Amino acid sequence: MFYKSCYQSPLGEIVLVSKENQLIGAWMEGQKYYLGKLKGEIQEKDNQEILIKAKSWLNRYFKRRKT
């Protein structure tokens, strides 16, 4: 089972995917290899620990962005 959560970045939506509490990918909507070759069910789950940590990291990254 894969879990996904969406993150709204200044560049557009980023889809984060995890499996067994490990982040396995991050894709931009419409990207050439969107979701790669994931096989299996993908369930929306915003409260998984690794996805929360990834969003937190992305928040810190984009706040330090130079304009």
C-alpha atoms as a PDB file:
ATOM      1  CA  MET A   1       0.000   0.000   0.000  1.00  0.00           C
ATOM      2  CA  PHE A   2       1.255   3.446  -0.935  1.00  0.00           C
ATOM      3  CA  TYR A   3       0.176   6.655   0.766  1.00  0.00           C
ATOM      4  CA  LYS A   4       0.129  10.091  -0.818  1.00  0.00           C
ATOM      5  CA  SER A   5      -0.323  13.653   0.254  1.00  0.00           C
ATOM      6  CA  CYS A   6      -0.283  16.875  -1.737  1.00  0.00           C
ATOM      7  CA  TYR A   7       1.844  19.910  -0.916  1.00  0.00           C
ATOM      8  CA  GLN A   8       1.100  23.343  -2.368  1.00  0.00           C
ATOM      9  CA  SER A   9       4.479  24.895  -3.194  1.00  0.00           C
ATOM     10  CA  PRO A  10       5.287  28.221  -4.860  1.00  0.00           C
ATOM     11  CA  LEU A  11       6.109  26.153  -7.967  1.00  0.00           C
ATOM     12  CA  GLY A  12       2.802  24.280  -7.991  1.00  0.00           C
ATOM     13  CA  GLU A  13       1.414  21.136  -6.421  1.00  0.00           C
ATOM     14  CA  ILE A  14       3.911  18.486  -5.306  1.00  0.00           C
ATOM     15  CA  VAL A  15       2.621  14.959  -4.699  1.00  0.00           C
ATOM     16  CA  LEU A  16       4.500  13.103  -1.957  1.00  0.00           C
ATOM     17  CA  VAL A  17       4.288   9.297  -1.787  1.00  0.00           C
ATOM     18  CA  SER A  18       5.385   6.952   0.982  1.00  0.00           C
ATOM     19  CA  LYS A  19       5.457   3.240   1.660  1.00  0.00           C
ATOM     20  CA  GLU A  20       6.039   1.684   5.076  1.00  0.00           C
ATOM     21  CA  ASN A  21       6.835   5.107   6.581  1.00  0.00           C
ATOM     22  CA  GLN A  22       9.539   5.836   4.002  1.00  0.00           C
ATOM     23  CA  LEU A  23       9.287   8.664   1.495  1.00  0.00           C
ATOM     24  CA  ILE A  24       9.658   7.070  -1.924  1.00  0.00           C
ATOM     25  CA  GLY A  25       8.918   9.960  -4.249  1.00  0.00           C
ATOM     26  CA  ALA A  26       7.929  13.533  -4.898  1.00  0.00           C
ATOM     27  CA  TRP A  27       6.405  14.574  -8.202  1.00  0.00           C
ATOM     28  CA  MET A  28       5.050  17.721  -9.783  1.00  0.00           C
ATOM     29  CA  GLU A  29       1.609  17.413 -11.349  1.00  0.00           C
ATOM     30  CA  GLY A  30       2.009  16.722 -15.069  1.00  0.00           C
ATOM     31  CA  GLN A  31       5.649  15.655 -14.759  1.00  0.00           C
ATOM     32  CA  LYS A  32       6.827  13.237 -17.453  1.00  0.00           C
ATOM     33  CA  TYR A  33       7.274  10.307 -15.063  1.00  0.00           C
ATOM     34  CA  TYR A  34       4.425  11.279 -12.724  1.00  0.00           C
ATOM     35  CA  LEU A  35       4.178   8.663  -9.937  1.00  0.00           C
ATOM     36  CA  GLY A  36       6.868   6.607 -11.672  1.00  0.00           C
ATOM     37  CA  LYS A  37       6.088   2.937 -11.987  1.00  0.00           C
ATOM     38  CA  LEU A  38       4.166   2.539  -8.745  1.00  0.00           C
ATOM     39  CA  LYS A  39       2.162  -0.665  -8.725  1.00  0.00           C
ATOM     40  CA  GLY A  40      -0.504  -1.082  -6.130  1.00  0.00           C
ATOM     41  CA  GLU A  41      -3.177   0.927  -4.413  1.00  0.00           C
ATOM     42  CA  ILE A  42      -2.429   4.560  -3.563  1.00  0.00           C
ATOM     43  CA  GLN A  43      -4.426   5.979  -0.677  1.00  0.00           C
ATOM     44  CA  GLU A  44      -4.666   9.655   0.303  1.00  0.00           C
ATOM     45  CA  LYS A  45      -3.282   9.986   3.842  1.00  0.00           C
ATOM     46  CA  ASP A  46      -2.274  13.401   5.144  1.00  0.00           C
ATOM     47  CA  ASN A  47      -1.475  12.291   8.691  1.00  0.00           C
ATOM     48  CA  GLN A  48       1.330   9.798   8.027  1.00  0.00           C
ATOM     49  CA  GLU A  49       4.461  10.778   9.966  1.00  0.00           C
ATOM     50  CA  ILE A  50       6.936  10.727   7.067  1.00  0.00           C
ATOM     51  CA  LEU A  51       4.642  12.812   4.855  1.00  0.00           C
ATOM     52  CA  ILE A  52       4.199  15.379   7.646  1.00  0.00           C
ATOM     53  CA  LYS A  53       7.995  15.553   8.029  1.00  0.00           C
ATOM     54  CA  ALA A  54       8.473  15.976   4.267  1.00  0.00           C
ATOM     55  CA  LYS A  55       5.968  18.843   4.185  1.00  0.00           C
ATOM     56  CA  SER A  56       7.707  20.477   7.124  1.00  0.00           C
ATOM     57  CA  TRP A  57      11.050  20.244   5.320  1.00  0.00           C
ATOM     58  CA  LEU A  58       9.515  21.713   2.154  1.00  0.00           C
ATOM     59  CA  ASN A  59       8.036  24.594   4.182  1.00  0.00           C
ATOM     60  CA  ARG A  60      11.477  25.415   5.597  1.00  0.00           C
ATOM     61  CA  TYR A  61      13.076  25.090   2.147  1.00  0.00           C
ATOM     62  CA  PHE A  62      10.668  27.445   0.414  1.00  0.00           C
ATOM     63  CA  LYS A  63      10.757  30.026   3.223  1.00  0.00           C
ATOM     64  CA  ARG A  64      14.517  30.412   2.672  1.00  0.00           C
ATOM     65  CA  ARG A  65      14.022  30.830  -1.072  1.00  0.00           C
ATOM     66  CA  LYS A  66      15.648  33.939  -2.502  1.00  0.00           C
ATOM     67  CA  THR A  67      13.478  36.078  -4.744  1.00  0.00           C
END
